[in-house]
């Protein structure tokens, strides 16, 4: 039914957002640790849309 589909979509979406968020966090900390200059560029750009 439609209700069930909506629940599934919400579940998938939240999982996707959590994944994106952890990925972003990891990537940013990695960039900060490895290359300060590049991380400044990334900070100034909306790199993750």
PDB file of N, CA and C in Angstrom:
ATOM      1  N   UNK A   1       0.831  -1.210   0.000  1.00  0.00           N
ATOM      2  CA  UNK A   1       0.000   0.000   0.000  1.00  0.00           C
ATOM      3  C   UNK A   1       0.868   1.264   0.000  1.00  0.00           C
ATOM      4  N   UNK A   2       0.219   2.376  -0.187  1.00  0.00           N
ATOM      5  CA  UNK A   2       0.946   3.651  -0.282  1.00  0.00           C
ATOM      6  C   UNK A   2       1.626   3.980   1.044  1.00  0.00           C
ATOM      7  N   UNK A   3       0.925   3.701   2.149  1.00  0.00           N
ATOM      8  CA  UNK A   3       1.485   3.985   3.463  1.00  0.00           C
ATOM      9  C   UNK A   3       2.812   3.248   3.644  1.00  0.00           C
ATOM     10  N   UNK A   4       2.821   1.996   3.253  1.00  0.00           N
ATOM     11  CA  UNK A   4       4.013   1.172   3.400  1.00  0.00           C
ATOM     12  C   UNK A   4       5.148   1.716   2.534  1.00  0.00           C
ATOM     13  N   UNK A   5       4.831   2.117   1.326  1.00  0.00           N
ATOM     14  CA  UNK A   5       5.845   2.687   0.435  1.00  0.00           C
ATOM     15  C   UNK A   5       6.439   3.953   1.031  1.00  0.00           C
ATOM     16  N   UNK A   6       5.597   4.802   1.586  1.00  0.00           N
ATOM     17  CA  UNK A   6       6.082   6.040   2.194  1.00  0.00           C
ATOM     18  C   UNK A   6       7.030   5.750   3.345  1.00  0.00           C
ATOM     19  N   UNK A   7       6.691   4.763   4.158  1.00  0.00           N
ATOM     20  CA  UNK A   7       7.567   4.388   5.265  1.00  0.00           C
ATOM     21  C   UNK A   7       8.920   3.938   4.736  1.00  0.00           C
ATOM     22  N   UNK A   8       8.889   3.123   3.696  1.00  0.00           N
ATOM     23  CA  UNK A   8      10.132   2.624   3.113  1.00  0.00           C
ATOM     24  C   UNK A   8      10.986   3.755   2.557  1.00  0.00           C
ATOM     25  N   UNK A   9      10.343   4.685   1.877  1.00  0.00           N
ATOM     26  CA  UNK A   9      11.069   5.817   1.289  1.00  0.00           C
ATOM     27  C   UNK A   9      11.700   6.653   2.394  1.00  0.00           C
ATOM     28  N   UNK A  10      10.954   6.895   3.465  1.00  0.00           N
ATOM     29  CA  UNK A  10      11.496   7.677   4.574  1.00  0.00           C
ATOM     30  C   UNK A  10      12.703   6.980   5.181  1.00  0.00           C
ATOM     31  N   UNK A  11      12.594   5.659   5.341  1.00  0.00           N
ATOM     32  CA  UNK A  11      13.688   4.893   5.928  1.00  0.00           C
ATOM     33  C   UNK A  11      14.931   4.989   5.050  1.00  0.00           C
ATOM     34  N   UNK A  12      14.737   4.787   3.752  1.00  0.00           N
ATOM     35  CA  UNK A  12      15.860   4.853   2.822  1.00  0.00           C
ATOM     36  C   UNK A  12      16.469   6.245   2.811  1.00  0.00           C
ATOM     37  N   UNK A  13      15.618   7.262   2.852  1.00  0.00           N
ATOM     38  CA  UNK A  13      16.081   8.640   2.802  1.00  0.00           C
ATOM     39  C   UNK A  13      16.915   8.977   4.026  1.00  0.00           C
ATOM     40  N   UNK A  14      16.432   8.592   5.216  1.00  0.00           N
ATOM     41  CA  UNK A  14      17.182   8.922   6.424  1.00  0.00           C
ATOM     42  C   UNK A  14      18.512   8.179   6.440  1.00  0.00           C
ATOM     43  N   UNK A  15      18.508   6.940   5.958  1.00  0.00           N
ATOM     44  CA  UNK A  15      19.757   6.186   5.881  1.00  0.00           C
ATOM     45  C   UNK A  15      20.729   6.887   4.939  1.00  0.00           C
ATOM     46  N   UNK A  16      20.202   7.357   3.825  1.00  0.00           N
ATOM     47  CA  UNK A  16      21.006   8.068   2.838  1.00  0.00           C
ATOM     48  C   UNK A  16      21.598   9.346   3.440  1.00  0.00           C
ATOM     49  N   UNK A  17      20.793  10.086   4.208  1.00  0.00           N
ATOM     50  CA  UNK A  17      21.275  11.322   4.800  1.00  0.00           C
ATOM     51  C   UNK A  17      22.350  11.043   5.840  1.00  0.00           C
ATOM     52  N   UNK A  18      22.144  10.001   6.637  1.00  0.00           N
ATOM     53  CA  UNK A  18      23.150   9.640   7.637  1.00  0.00           C
ATOM     54  C   UNK A  18      24.454   9.275   6.939  1.00  0.00           C
ATOM     55  N   UNK A  19      24.343   8.524   5.862  1.00  0.00           N
ATOM     56  CA  UNK A  19      25.530   8.128   5.114  1.00  0.00           C
ATOM     57  C   UNK A  19      26.248   9.347   4.557  1.00  0.00           C
ATOM     58  N   UNK A  20      25.491  10.262   3.959  1.00  0.00           N
ATOM     59  CA  UNK A  20      26.096  11.475   3.407  1.00  0.00           C
ATOM     60  C   UNK A  20      26.789  12.271   4.503  1.00  0.00           C
ATOM     61  N   UNK A  21      26.127  12.370   5.661  1.00  0.00           N
ATOM     62  CA  UNK A  21      26.673  13.166   6.751  1.00  0.00           C
ATOM     63  C   UNK A  21      27.973  12.562   7.269  1.00  0.00           C
ATOM     64  N   UNK A  22      28.006  11.233   7.458  1.00  0.00           N
ATOM     65  CA  UNK A  22      29.235  10.609   7.952  1.00  0.00           C
ATOM     66  C   UNK A  22      30.333  10.737   6.910  1.00  0.00           C
ATOM     67  N   UNK A  23      29.961  10.581   5.646  1.00  0.00           N
ATOM     68  CA  UNK A  23      30.938  10.713   4.575  1.00  0.00           C
ATOM     69  C   UNK A  23      31.547  12.112   4.584  1.00  0.00           C
ATOM     70  N   UNK A  24      30.694  13.111   4.716  1.00  0.00           N
ATOM     71  CA  UNK A  24      31.150  14.496   4.716  1.00  0.00           C
ATOM     72  C   UNK A  24      32.074  14.747   5.897  1.00  0.00           C
ATOM     73  N   UNK A  25      31.659  14.278   7.086  1.00  0.00           N
ATOM     74  CA  UNK A  25      32.454  14.459   8.294  1.00  0.00           C
ATOM     75  C   UNK A  25      33.834  13.834   8.123  1.00  0.00           C
ATOM     76  N   UNK A  26      33.859  12.610   7.618  1.00  0.00           N
ATOM     77  CA  UNK A  26      35.116  11.895   7.421  1.00  0.00           C
ATOM     78  C   UNK A  26      35.995  12.627   6.423  1.00  0.00           C
ATOM     79  N   UNK A  27      35.388  13.034   5.315  1.00  0.00           N
ATOM     80  CA  UNK A  27      36.140  13.689   4.253  1.00  0.00           C
ATOM     81  C   UNK A  27      36.731  15.001   4.744  1.00  0.00           C
ATOM     82  N   UNK A  28      35.938  15.788   5.456  1.00  0.00           N
ATOM     83  CA  UNK A  28      36.411  17.088   5.932  1.00  0.00           C
ATOM     84  C   UNK A  28      37.547  16.916   6.931  1.00  0.00           C
ATOM     85  N   UNK A  29      37.398  15.983   7.869  1.00  0.00           N
ATOM     86  CA  UNK A  29      38.473  15.792   8.846  1.00  0.00           C
ATOM     87  C   UNK A  29      39.726  15.260   8.160  1.00  0.00           C
ATOM     88  N   UNK A  30      39.537  14.414   7.153  1.00  0.00           N
ATOM     89  CA  UNK A  30      40.678  13.903   6.397  1.00  0.00           C
ATOM     90  C   UNK A  30      41.395  15.046   5.690  1.00  0.00           C
ATOM     91  N   UNK A  31      40.624  15.929   5.071  1.00  0.00           N
ATOM     92  CA  UNK A  31      41.227  17.058   4.363  1.00  0.00           C
ATOM     93  C   UNK A  31      41.933  17.992   5.338  1.00  0.00           C
ATOM     94  N   UNK A  32      41.309  18.233   6.479  1.00  0.00           N
ATOM     95  CA  UNK A  32      41.931  19.092   7.482  1.00  0.00           C
ATOM     96  C   UNK A  32      43.268  18.528   7.920  1.00  0.00           C
ATOM     97  N   UNK A  33      43.317  17.211   8.129  1.00  0.00           N
ATOM     98  CA  UNK A  33      44.541  16.609   8.629  1.00  0.00           C
ATOM     99  C   UNK A  33      45.611  16.544   7.553  1.00  0.00           C
ATOM    100  N   UNK A  34      45.199  16.366   6.293  1.00  0.00           N
ATOM    101  CA  UNK A  34      46.200  16.112   5.261  1.00  0.00           C
ATOM    102  C   UNK A  34      46.637  17.392   4.553  1.00  0.00           C
ATOM    103  N   UNK A  35      45.713  18.316   4.329  1.00  0.00           N
ATOM    104  CA  UNK A  35      46.067  19.448   3.484  1.00  0.00           C
ATOM    105  C   UNK A  35      45.241  20.677   3.848  1.00  0.00           C
ATOM    106  N   UNK A  36      45.837  21.574   4.627  1.00  0.00           N
ATOM    107  CA  UNK A  36      45.119  22.730   5.141  1.00  0.00           C
ATOM    108  C   UNK A  36      44.665  23.665   4.017  1.00  0.00           C
ATOM    109  N   UNK A  37      45.494  23.848   3.031  1.00  0.00           N
ATOM    110  CA  UNK A  37      45.165  24.773   1.955  1.00  0.00           C
ATOM    111  C   UNK A  37      43.932  24.299   1.199  1.00  0.00           C
ATOM    112  N   UNK A  38      43.921  23.013   0.864  1.00  0.00           N
ATOM    113  CA  UNK A  38      42.806  22.464   0.104  1.00  0.00           C
ATOM    114  C   UNK A  38      41.519  22.485   0.916  1.00  0.00           C
ATOM    115  N   UNK A  39      41.625  22.228   2.220  1.00  0.00           N
ATOM    116  CA  UNK A  39      40.424  22.234   3.053  1.00  0.00           C
ATOM    117  C   UNK A  39      39.813  23.626   3.111  1.00  0.00           C
ATOM    118  N   UNK A  40      40.647  24.663   3.023  1.00  0.00           N
ATOM    119  CA  UNK A  40      40.115  26.025   2.985  1.00  0.00           C
ATOM    120  C   UNK A  40      39.302  26.242   1.716  1.00  0.00           C
ATOM    121  N   UNK A  41      39.790  25.717   0.605  1.00  0.00           N
ATOM    122  CA  UNK A  41      39.056  25.817  -0.660  1.00  0.00           C
ATOM    123  C   UNK A  41      37.714  25.097  -0.541  1.00  0.00           C
ATOM    124  N   UNK A  42      37.748  23.910   0.054  1.00  0.00           N
ATOM    125  CA  UNK A  42      36.531  23.114   0.199  1.00  0.00           C
ATOM    126  C   UNK A  42      35.534  23.835   1.093  1.00  0.00           C
ATOM    127  N   UNK A  43      36.040  24.466   2.164  1.00  0.00           N
ATOM    128  CA  UNK A  43      35.168  25.211   3.068  1.00  0.00           C
ATOM    129  C   UNK A  43      34.434  26.327   2.331  1.00  0.00           C
ATOM    130  N   UNK A  44      35.132  26.988   1.405  1.00  0.00           N
ATOM    131  CA  UNK A  44      34.554  28.115   0.701  1.00  0.00           C
ATOM    132  C   UNK A  44      33.639  27.721  -0.439  1.00  0.00           C
ATOM    133  N   UNK A  45      33.609  26.462  -0.766  1.00  0.00           N
ATOM    134  CA  UNK A  45      32.802  25.981  -1.884  1.00  0.00           C
ATOM    135  C   UNK A  45      31.721  25.056  -1.358  1.00  0.00           C
ATOM    136  N   UNK A  46      30.556  25.090  -1.965  1.00  0.00           N
ATOM    137  CA  UNK A  46      29.569  24.099  -1.565  1.00  0.00           C
ATOM    138  C   UNK A  46      29.816  22.852  -2.391  1.00  0.00           C
ATOM    139  N   UNK A  47      30.705  22.052  -1.870  1.00  0.00           N
ATOM    140  CA  UNK A  47      31.365  20.965  -2.562  1.00  0.00           C
ATOM    141  C   UNK A  47      30.509  19.713  -2.544  1.00  0.00           C
ATOM    142  N   UNK A  48      29.550  19.640  -1.619  1.00  0.00           N
ATOM    143  CA  UNK A  48      28.892  18.362  -1.317  1.00  0.00           C
ATOM    144  C   UNK A  48      27.427  18.339  -1.715  1.00  0.00           C
ATOM    145  N   UNK A  49      27.011  19.223  -2.613  1.00  0.00           N
ATOM    146  CA  UNK A  49      25.584  19.248  -2.949  1.00  0.00           C
ATOM    147  C   UNK A  49      25.233  18.167  -3.955  1.00  0.00           C
TER     148      UNK A  49
END
